[in-house]
Amino acid sequence: MADTGGVLKVCLNGARTPAEHPGLPLTPARLAGSARDAVRAGADAIHLHPRGADGSESLLAVDVAGAVAAVRAACPGVPVGVSTGLWITARDPRARLELVGGWVVLRDAERPDFASVNLSEPGTAELAGLLHDLGIGVEAGVWTAHDARALAPSSTRPASIRTVLPGLVRVLVEIIGVPPEQAVAEADAVLAALGDPGVPVLLHGEREACWPVLRHAAGLGLPTRIGLEDVLTGPDGEPVAGNADLVRHAREIIG
């Protein structure tokens, strides 16, 4: 599995629609161009949600292959990850497992380096094991202190959470649906519940919580992420042209 380290990851598109921002990349070609510009602006890693021909999120091997291969060609040597959000398969964990199992046909250039697995969704352990078997790193999405406690060492579980989630390369602490004035306190509560997981921890927020949490992550010395998936404006609410602008703003804060 490739190294997925770095200080700043760019999240290119998420589940958003083109109506939300004109710079949102969906096709492999636009994902590649946006990723290339973001890496030039200072991104160390890339996260994306592959899309089908109709623009909807997809876990089909052909769609993952097209998006990942295009981005990898535009950004050689930069780690590329994808989502496995359960909403993509209408919250059917068995369908998700079958689709991800289809990734076995992917060639090296088409296979993501890591995939995000949200702990709040059913089927986490099975999905993580499958990704590990496919040679794809697992990035555990932790949304709440409850999620974090599921990974924290306890008297009944070995300290290494790789026994729970094989192939784990990073914990992604995500502050979602929290008012901006409460976001930093919520981040600290989740981090405290998590403790030291023994792998890198990336901290980020979404929407109004994005910039306060990014500043907090920088102050704590933690990796973070930025991109149109998380926020559509700059740190002072100013418009941005796309992902590269957001990365430049984030780099100014991180230093």
C-alpha atoms as a PDB file:
ATOM      1  CA  MET A   1       0.000   0.000   0.000  1.00  0.00           C
ATOM      2  CA  ALA A   2       1.264   3.461  -0.889  1.00  0.00           C
ATOM      3  CA  ASP A   3       2.144   6.030   1.747  1.00  0.00           C
ATOM      4  CA  THR A   4      -0.891   8.220   2.427  1.00  0.00           C
ATOM      5  CA  GLY A   5       0.934  10.716   4.623  1.00  0.00           C
ATOM      6  CA  GLY A   6       1.100  14.453   4.282  1.00  0.00           C
ATOM      7  CA  VAL A   7      -0.244  17.550   5.923  1.00  0.00           C
ATOM      8  CA  LEU A   8      -3.066  18.560   3.583  1.00  0.00           C
ATOM      9  CA  LYS A   9      -5.487  16.416   1.605  1.00  0.00           C
ATOM     10  CA  VAL A  10      -7.774  17.901  -1.034  1.00  0.00           C
ATOM     11  CA  CYS A  11     -11.346  16.537  -1.198  1.00  0.00           C
ATOM     12  CA  LEU A  12     -12.389  17.296  -4.745  1.00  0.00           C
ATOM     13  CA  ASN A  13     -16.155  16.812  -4.997  1.00  0.00           C
ATOM     14  CA  GLY A  14     -17.953  14.673  -2.414  1.00  0.00           C
ATOM     15  CA  ALA A  15     -21.674  14.140  -2.894  1.00  0.00           C
ATOM     16  CA  ARG A  16     -22.265  17.670  -4.176  1.00  0.00           C
ATOM     17  CA  THR A  17     -23.991  18.581  -7.430  1.00  0.00           C
ATOM     18  CA  PRO A  18     -22.807  21.005 -10.136  1.00  0.00           C
ATOM     19  CA  ALA A  19     -25.577  23.402  -9.116  1.00  0.00           C
ATOM     20  CA  GLU A  20     -23.728  24.027  -5.849  1.00  0.00           C
ATOM     21  CA  HIS A  21     -20.510  25.296  -7.446  1.00  0.00           C
ATOM     22  CA  PRO A  22     -19.470  25.787 -11.091  1.00  0.00           C
ATOM     23  CA  GLY A  23     -15.961  24.490 -10.351  1.00  0.00           C
ATOM     24  CA  LEU A  24     -17.134  21.112  -9.022  1.00  0.00           C
ATOM     25  CA  PRO A  25     -15.287  18.335 -10.921  1.00  0.00           C
ATOM     26  CA  LEU A  26     -17.227  15.173 -11.768  1.00  0.00           C
ATOM     27  CA  THR A  27     -15.795  13.592 -14.934  1.00  0.00           C
ATOM     28  CA  PRO A  28     -12.387  11.907 -14.948  1.00  0.00           C
ATOM     29  CA  ALA A  29     -10.939  14.714 -17.059  1.00  0.00           C
ATOM     30  CA  ARG A  30     -12.201  17.457 -14.745  1.00  0.00           C
ATOM     31  CA  LEU A  31     -11.165  15.521 -11.654  1.00  0.00           C
ATOM     32  CA  ALA A  32      -7.684  15.177 -13.105  1.00  0.00           C
ATOM     33  CA  GLY A  33      -7.412  18.886 -13.897  1.00  0.00           C
ATOM     34  CA  SER A  34      -8.723  19.946 -10.505  1.00  0.00           C
ATOM     35  CA  ALA A  35      -6.429  17.514  -8.702  1.00  0.00           C
ATOM     36  CA  ARG A  36      -3.393  18.685 -10.664  1.00  0.00           C
ATOM     37  CA  ASP A  37      -4.095  22.336  -9.831  1.00  0.00           C
ATOM     38  CA  ALA A  38      -4.708  21.502  -6.166  1.00  0.00           C
ATOM     39  CA  VAL A  39      -1.436  19.585  -5.889  1.00  0.00           C
ATOM     40  CA  ARG A  40       0.417  22.486  -7.477  1.00  0.00           C
ATOM     41  CA  ALA A  41      -1.200  24.739  -4.869  1.00  0.00           C
ATOM     42  CA  GLY A  42       0.075  22.545  -2.039  1.00  0.00           C
ATOM     43  CA  ALA A  43      -2.117  19.441  -1.571  1.00  0.00           C
ATOM     44  CA  ASP A  44      -0.290  16.277  -0.482  1.00  0.00           C
ATOM     45  CA  ALA A  45      -3.061  13.720  -1.109  1.00  0.00           C
ATOM     46  CA  ILE A  46      -6.353  13.489  -2.991  1.00  0.00           C
ATOM     47  CA  HIS A  47      -9.813  12.228  -2.022  1.00  0.00           C
ATOM     48  CA  LEU A  48     -12.618  11.930  -4.572  1.00  0.00           C
ATOM     49  CA  HIS A  49     -16.044  10.429  -5.178  1.00  0.00           C
ATOM     50  CA  PRO A  50     -16.129   8.652  -8.566  1.00  0.00           C
ATOM     51  CA  ARG A  51     -19.193   9.312 -10.724  1.00  0.00           C
ATOM     52  CA  GLY A  52     -21.071   7.303 -13.282  1.00  0.00           C
ATOM     53  CA  ALA A  53     -22.031   8.477 -16.750  1.00  0.00           C
ATOM     54  CA  ASP A  54     -25.155  10.141 -15.334  1.00  0.00           C
ATOM     55  CA  GLY A  55     -23.105  12.113 -12.795  1.00  0.00           C
ATOM     56  CA  SER A  56     -24.240  10.127  -9.753  1.00  0.00           C
ATOM     57  CA  GLU A  57     -21.790   8.710  -7.226  1.00  0.00           C
ATOM     58  CA  SER A  58     -20.611   5.239  -8.128  1.00  0.00           C
ATOM     59  CA  LEU A  59     -18.640   2.305  -6.726  1.00  0.00           C
ATOM     60  CA  LEU A  60     -18.643   0.422 -10.034  1.00  0.00           C
ATOM     61  CA  ALA A  61     -15.161  -0.762 -10.923  1.00  0.00           C
ATOM     62  CA  VAL A  62     -15.280   0.937 -14.330  1.00  0.00           C
ATOM     63  CA  ASP A  63     -16.117   4.306 -12.770  1.00  0.00           C
ATOM     64  CA  VAL A  64     -13.521   3.996 -10.004  1.00  0.00           C
ATOM     65  CA  ALA A  65     -10.925   2.970 -12.592  1.00  0.00           C
ATOM     66  CA  GLY A  66     -11.648   5.939 -14.837  1.00  0.00           C
ATOM     67  CA  ALA A  67     -11.489   8.525 -12.074  1.00  0.00           C
ATOM     68  CA  VAL A  68      -8.446   7.134 -10.260  1.00  0.00           C
ATOM     69  CA  ALA A  69      -6.409   6.479 -13.409  1.00  0.00           C
ATOM     70  CA  ALA A  70      -7.035   9.981 -14.740  1.00  0.00           C
ATOM     71  CA  VAL A  71      -6.091  11.635 -11.448  1.00  0.00           C
ATOM     72  CA  ARG A  72      -3.044   9.418 -10.977  1.00  0.00           C
ATOM     73  CA  ALA A  73      -1.795  10.276 -14.454  1.00  0.00           C
ATOM     74  CA  ALA A  74      -2.190  13.990 -13.729  1.00  0.00           C
ATOM     75  CA  CYS A  75      -0.593  13.751 -10.259  1.00  0.00           C
ATOM     76  CA  PRO A  76       2.066  11.012 -10.358  1.00  0.00           C
ATOM     77  CA  GLY A  77       3.248   9.879  -6.955  1.00  0.00           C
ATOM     78  CA  VAL A  78       0.421  11.588  -5.044  1.00  0.00           C
ATOM     79  CA  PRO A  79      -1.806   9.233  -2.974  1.00  0.00           C
ATOM     80  CA  VAL A  80      -5.385   8.954  -4.256  1.00  0.00           C
ATOM     81  CA  GLY A  81      -8.351   7.806  -2.163  1.00  0.00           C
ATOM     82  CA  VAL A  82     -12.058   7.281  -2.736  1.00  0.00           C
ATOM     83  CA  SER A  83     -15.262   7.193  -0.705  1.00  0.00           C
ATOM     84  CA  THR A  84     -17.258   4.090   0.169  1.00  0.00           C
ATOM     85  CA  GLY A  85     -20.152   6.030   1.750  1.00  0.00           C
ATOM     86  CA  LEU A  86     -23.115   3.737   2.284  1.00  0.00           C
ATOM     87  CA  TRP A  87     -25.510   6.267   0.752  1.00  0.00           C
ATOM     88  CA  ILE A  88     -23.906   5.472  -2.624  1.00  0.00           C
ATOM     89  CA  THR A  89     -25.641   2.080  -2.571  1.00  0.00           C
ATOM     90  CA  ALA A  90     -28.891   3.354  -1.023  1.00  0.00           C
ATOM     91  CA  ARG A  91     -27.648   2.200   2.407  1.00  0.00           C
ATOM     92  CA  ASP A  92     -27.316  -1.441   1.357  1.00  0.00           C
ATOM     93  CA  PRO A  93     -24.086  -2.834   2.894  1.00  0.00           C
ATOM     94  CA  ARG A  94     -24.278  -6.083   0.923  1.00  0.00           C
ATOM     95  CA  ALA A  95     -24.510  -4.225  -2.392  1.00  0.00           C
ATOM     96  CA  ARG A  96     -21.580  -2.059  -1.346  1.00  0.00           C
ATOM     97  CA  LEU A  97     -19.478  -5.100  -0.479  1.00  0.00           C
ATOM     98  CA  GLU A  98     -20.261  -6.691  -3.836  1.00  0.00           C
ATOM     99  CA  LEU A  99     -19.368  -3.551  -5.766  1.00  0.00           C
ATOM    100  CA  VAL A 100     -16.092  -3.057  -3.903  1.00  0.00           C
ATOM    101  CA  GLY A 101     -15.326  -6.743  -4.447  1.00  0.00           C
ATOM    102  CA  GLY A 102     -15.523  -5.958  -8.157  1.00  0.00           C
ATOM    103  CA  TRP A 103     -12.446  -3.772  -7.759  1.00  0.00           C
ATOM    104  CA  VAL A 104     -10.357  -6.939  -7.933  1.00  0.00           C
ATOM    105  CA  VAL A 105     -10.110  -6.336 -11.694  1.00  0.00           C
ATOM    106  CA  LEU A 106      -8.512  -2.917 -11.277  1.00  0.00           C
ATOM    107  CA  ARG A 107      -4.969  -2.505 -12.517  1.00  0.00           C
ATOM    108  CA  ASP A 108      -2.374  -0.746 -10.371  1.00  0.00           C
ATOM    109  CA  ALA A 109      -2.961   2.617 -12.052  1.00  0.00           C
ATOM    110  CA  GLU A 110      -6.719   2.281 -11.499  1.00  0.00           C
ATOM    111  CA  ARG A 111      -6.685   1.079  -7.901  1.00  0.00           C
ATOM    112  CA  PRO A 112      -7.012   3.709  -5.145  1.00  0.00           C
ATOM    113  CA  ASP A 113      -4.307   3.877  -2.505  1.00  0.00           C
ATOM    114  CA  PHE A 114      -6.895   4.140   0.271  1.00  0.00           C
ATOM    115  CA  ALA A 115     -10.646   4.247   0.788  1.00  0.00           C
ATOM    116  CA  SER A 116     -12.670   5.956   3.498  1.00  0.00           C
ATOM    117  CA  VAL A 117     -14.830   3.666   5.652  1.00  0.00           C
ATOM    118  CA  ASN A 118     -17.292   5.382   7.987  1.00  0.00           C
ATOM    119  CA  LEU A 119     -17.475   3.678  11.383  1.00  0.00           C
ATOM    120  CA  SER A 120     -21.086   4.750  11.920  1.00  0.00           C
ATOM    121  CA  GLU A 121     -22.214   2.600   8.985  1.00  0.00           C
ATOM    122  CA  PRO A 122     -22.967  -1.143   9.172  1.00  0.00           C
ATOM    123  CA  GLY A 123     -20.566  -3.608   7.596  1.00  0.00           C
ATOM    124  CA  THR A 124     -17.408  -1.707   8.537  1.00  0.00           C
ATOM    125  CA  ALA A 125     -15.255  -4.677   9.531  1.00  0.00           C
ATOM    126  CA  GLU A 126     -16.187  -6.735   6.457  1.00  0.00           C
ATOM    127  CA  LEU A 127     -15.534  -3.814   4.142  1.00  0.00           C
ATOM    128  CA  ALA A 128     -12.190  -3.027   5.755  1.00  0.00           C
ATOM    129  CA  GLY A 129     -11.127  -6.643   5.445  1.00  0.00           C
ATOM    130  CA  LEU A 130     -12.071  -6.725   1.773  1.00  0.00           C
ATOM    131  CA  LEU A 131     -10.188  -3.519   1.026  1.00  0.00           C
ATOM    132  CA  HIS A 132      -7.146  -4.892   2.841  1.00  0.00           C
ATOM    133  CA  ASP A 133      -7.303  -8.065   0.736  1.00  0.00           C
ATOM    134  CA  LEU A 134      -7.400  -5.876  -2.383  1.00  0.00           C
ATOM    135  CA  GLY A 135      -4.266  -4.014  -1.258  1.00  0.00           C
ATOM    136  CA  ILE A 136      -6.163  -0.790  -0.551  1.00  0.00           C
ATOM    137  CA  GLY A 137      -5.527   1.105   2.669  1.00  0.00           C
ATOM    138  CA  VAL A 138      -8.403   1.869   5.033  1.00  0.00           C
ATOM    139  CA  GLU A 139      -9.119   5.370   6.313  1.00  0.00           C
ATOM    140  CA  ALA A 140     -11.557   5.151   9.248  1.00  0.00           C
ATOM    141  CA  GLY A 141     -14.144   7.940   9.240  1.00  0.00           C
ATOM    142  CA  VAL A 142     -14.944   8.963  12.833  1.00  0.00           C
ATOM    143  CA  TRP A 143     -17.861  11.397  13.158  1.00  0.00           C
ATOM    144  CA  THR A 144     -18.599  11.349  16.888  1.00  0.00           C
ATOM    145  CA  ALA A 145     -17.093  10.528  20.259  1.00  0.00           C
ATOM    146  CA  HIS A 146     -19.136   7.314  20.126  1.00  0.00           C
ATOM    147  CA  ASP A 147     -17.367   6.339  16.902  1.00  0.00           C
ATOM    148  CA  ALA A 148     -14.023   7.224  18.471  1.00  0.00           C
ATOM    149  CA  ARG A 149     -14.626   5.009  21.497  1.00  0.00           C
ATOM    150  CA  ALA A 150     -15.187   2.092  19.122  1.00  0.00           C
ATOM    151  CA  LEU A 151     -11.542   2.430  18.088  1.00  0.00           C
ATOM    152  CA  ALA A 152      -9.995   3.410  21.421  1.00  0.00           C
ATOM    153  CA  PRO A 153      -8.046   0.668  23.239  1.00  0.00           C
ATOM    154  CA  SER A 154      -9.934  -1.024  26.061  1.00  0.00           C
ATOM    155  CA  SER A 155      -9.481  -3.812  28.565  1.00  0.00           C
ATOM    156  CA  THR A 156     -11.264  -6.209  26.222  1.00  0.00           C
ATOM    157  CA  ARG A 157      -9.448  -5.342  23.008  1.00  0.00           C
ATOM    158  CA  PRO A 158      -5.772  -5.237  22.044  1.00  0.00           C
ATOM    159  CA  ALA A 159      -4.244  -1.785  21.802  1.00  0.00           C
ATOM    160  CA  SER A 160      -3.719  -2.075  18.046  1.00  0.00           C
ATOM    161  CA  ILE A 161      -6.895  -1.150  16.192  1.00  0.00           C
ATOM    162  CA  ARG A 162      -5.500  -2.891  13.133  1.00  0.00           C
ATOM    163  CA  THR A 163      -7.003  -6.006  14.717  1.00  0.00           C
ATOM    164  CA  VAL A 164     -10.409  -4.321  14.356  1.00  0.00           C
ATOM    165  CA  LEU A 165      -9.848  -2.680  10.982  1.00  0.00           C
ATOM    166  CA  PRO A 166      -7.170  -4.496   8.975  1.00  0.00           C
ATOM    167  CA  GLY A 167      -5.266  -2.277   6.594  1.00  0.00           C
ATOM    168  CA  LEU A 168      -5.912   0.872   8.637  1.00  0.00           C
ATOM    169  CA  VAL A 169      -3.641   3.712   7.531  1.00  0.00           C
ATOM    170  CA  ARG A 170      -5.344   6.741   9.078  1.00  0.00           C
ATOM    171  CA  VAL A 171      -8.209   7.884  11.276  1.00  0.00           C
ATOM    172  CA  LEU A 172     -10.265  10.670   9.740  1.00  0.00           C
ATOM    173  CA  VAL A 173     -11.963  12.732  12.458  1.00  0.00           C
ATOM    174  CA  GLU A 174     -14.815  14.563  10.747  1.00  0.00           C
ATOM    175  CA  ILE A 175     -16.808  17.308  12.468  1.00  0.00           C
ATOM    176  CA  ILE A 176     -20.160  17.235  10.697  1.00  0.00           C
ATOM    177  CA  GLY A 177     -23.416  19.051  11.389  1.00  0.00           C
ATOM    178  CA  VAL A 178     -21.978  21.111  14.252  1.00  0.00           C
ATOM    179  CA  PRO A 179     -22.399  24.916  14.512  1.00  0.00           C
ATOM    180  CA  PRO A 180     -19.106  26.719  13.905  1.00  0.00           C
ATOM    181  CA  GLU A 181     -18.996  28.138  17.422  1.00  0.00           C
ATOM    182  CA  GLN A 182     -19.148  24.583  18.845  1.00  0.00           C
ATOM    183  CA  ALA A 183     -16.931  22.878  16.280  1.00  0.00           C
ATOM    184  CA  VAL A 184     -13.585  23.160  18.072  1.00  0.00           C
ATOM    185  CA  ALA A 185     -15.017  21.875  21.363  1.00  0.00           C
ATOM    186  CA  GLU A 186     -16.620  18.962  19.515  1.00  0.00           C
ATOM    187  CA  ALA A 187     -13.325  18.189  17.800  1.00  0.00           C
ATOM    188  CA  ASP A 188     -11.524  18.121  21.136  1.00  0.00           C
ATOM    189  CA  ALA A 189     -14.175  15.802  22.603  1.00  0.00           C
ATOM    190  CA  VAL A 190     -13.816  13.338  19.721  1.00  0.00           C
ATOM    191  CA  LEU A 191     -10.017  13.455  19.862  1.00  0.00           C
ATOM    192  CA  ALA A 192     -10.080  12.853  23.618  1.00  0.00           C
ATOM    193  CA  ALA A 193     -12.357   9.832  23.171  1.00  0.00           C
ATOM    194  CA  LEU A 194     -10.087   8.490  20.446  1.00  0.00           C
ATOM    195  CA  GLY A 195      -6.854   8.724  22.401  1.00  0.00           C
ATOM    196  CA  ASP A 196      -3.763   7.534  20.537  1.00  0.00           C
ATOM    197  CA  PRO A 197      -4.906   5.111  17.837  1.00  0.00           C
ATOM    198  CA  GLY A 198      -1.367   4.302  16.736  1.00  0.00           C
ATOM    199  CA  VAL A 199      -1.910   5.657  13.223  1.00  0.00           C
ATOM    200  CA  PRO A 200      -2.019   9.246  11.884  1.00  0.00           C
ATOM    201  CA  VAL A 201      -5.139  11.265  12.707  1.00  0.00           C
ATOM    202  CA  LEU A 202      -6.515  13.785  10.203  1.00  0.00           C
ATOM    203  CA  LEU A 203      -8.946  16.385  11.557  1.00  0.00           C
ATOM    204  CA  HIS A 204     -11.363  18.386   9.435  1.00  0.00           C
ATOM    205  CA  GLY A 205     -14.802  19.981   9.506  1.00  0.00           C
ATOM    206  CA  GLU A 206     -17.543  20.502   6.974  1.00  0.00           C
ATOM    207  CA  ARG A 207     -19.502  23.541   5.823  1.00  0.00           C
ATOM    208  CA  GLU A 208     -19.509  26.364   8.420  1.00  0.00           C
ATOM    209  CA  ALA A 209     -17.309  24.292  10.739  1.00  0.00           C
ATOM    210  CA  CYS A 210     -14.647  23.742   8.068  1.00  0.00           C
ATOM    211  CA  TRP A 211     -12.378  26.737   8.584  1.00  0.00           C
ATOM    212  CA  PRO A 212     -12.533  26.844  12.420  1.00  0.00           C
ATOM    213  CA  VAL A 213     -11.639  23.151  12.576  1.00  0.00           C
ATOM    214  CA  LEU A 214      -8.897  23.515   9.963  1.00  0.00           C
ATOM    215  CA  ARG A 215      -7.304  26.279  12.028  1.00  0.00           C
ATOM    216  CA  HIS A 216      -7.588  24.094  15.113  1.00  0.00           C
ATOM    217  CA  ALA A 217      -5.982  21.152  13.325  1.00  0.00           C
ATOM    218  CA  ALA A 218      -3.115  23.396  12.263  1.00  0.00           C
ATOM    219  CA  GLY A 219      -2.669  24.575  15.842  1.00  0.00           C
ATOM    220  CA  LEU A 220      -2.570  20.978  17.069  1.00  0.00           C
ATOM    221  CA  GLY A 221      -0.119  19.968  14.365  1.00  0.00           C
ATOM    222  CA  LEU A 222      -2.559  17.469  12.858  1.00  0.00           C
ATOM    223  CA  PRO A 223      -3.046  16.760   9.154  1.00  0.00           C
ATOM    224  CA  THR A 224      -6.241  18.220   7.726  1.00  0.00           C
ATOM    225  CA  ARG A 225      -8.140  18.498   4.467  1.00  0.00           C
ATOM    226  CA  ILE A 226      -9.898  21.090   2.326  1.00  0.00           C
ATOM    227  CA  GLY A 227     -11.899  21.096  -0.881  1.00  0.00           C
ATOM    228  CA  LEU A 228     -15.288  21.644  -2.442  1.00  0.00           C
ATOM    229  CA  GLU A 229     -16.639  18.548  -0.701  1.00  0.00           C
ATOM    230  CA  ASP A 230     -16.227  20.340   2.633  1.00  0.00           C
ATOM    231  CA  VAL A 231     -16.742  24.029   1.889  1.00  0.00           C
ATOM    232  CA  LEU A 232     -17.612  26.314  -1.040  1.00  0.00           C
ATOM    233  CA  THR A 233     -16.064  29.576   0.174  1.00  0.00           C
ATOM    234  CA  GLY A 234     -12.805  30.877   1.576  1.00  0.00           C
ATOM    235  CA  PRO A 235     -12.034  31.431   5.269  1.00  0.00           C
ATOM    236  CA  ASP A 236     -13.767  34.820   5.311  1.00  0.00           C
ATOM    237  CA  GLY A 237     -16.739  33.693   3.231  1.00  0.00           C
ATOM    238  CA  GLU A 238     -15.237  34.925  -0.019  1.00  0.00           C
ATOM    239  CA  PRO A 239     -15.987  33.096  -3.287  1.00  0.00           C
ATOM    240  CA  VAL A 240     -13.429  30.671  -4.685  1.00  0.00           C
ATOM    241  CA  ALA A 241     -12.893  29.425  -8.207  1.00  0.00           C
ATOM    242  CA  GLY A 242     -12.312  25.840  -7.142  1.00  0.00           C
ATOM    243  CA  ASN A 243     -10.239  23.394  -5.168  1.00  0.00           C
ATOM    244  CA  ALA A 244      -6.882  25.017  -5.870  1.00  0.00           C
ATOM    245  CA  ASP A 245      -8.062  28.302  -4.338  1.00  0.00           C
ATOM    246  CA  LEU A 246      -9.187  26.470  -1.209  1.00  0.00           C
ATOM    247  CA  VAL A 247      -5.846  24.684  -0.949  1.00  0.00           C
ATOM    248  CA  ARG A 248      -3.972  27.986  -1.239  1.00  0.00           C
ATOM    249  CA  HIS A 249      -6.077  29.486   1.566  1.00  0.00           C
ATOM    250  CA  ALA A 250      -5.462  26.411   3.721  1.00  0.00           C
ATOM    251  CA  ARG A 251      -1.719  26.515   3.109  1.00  0.00           C
ATOM    252  CA  GLU A 252      -1.631  30.117   4.297  1.00  0.00           C
ATOM    253  CA  ILE A 253      -3.163  28.969   7.579  1.00  0.00           C
ATOM    254  CA  ILE A 254      -1.078  25.813   7.981  1.00  0.00           C
ATOM    255  CA  GLY A 255       2.176  27.504   7.083  1.00  0.00           C
END
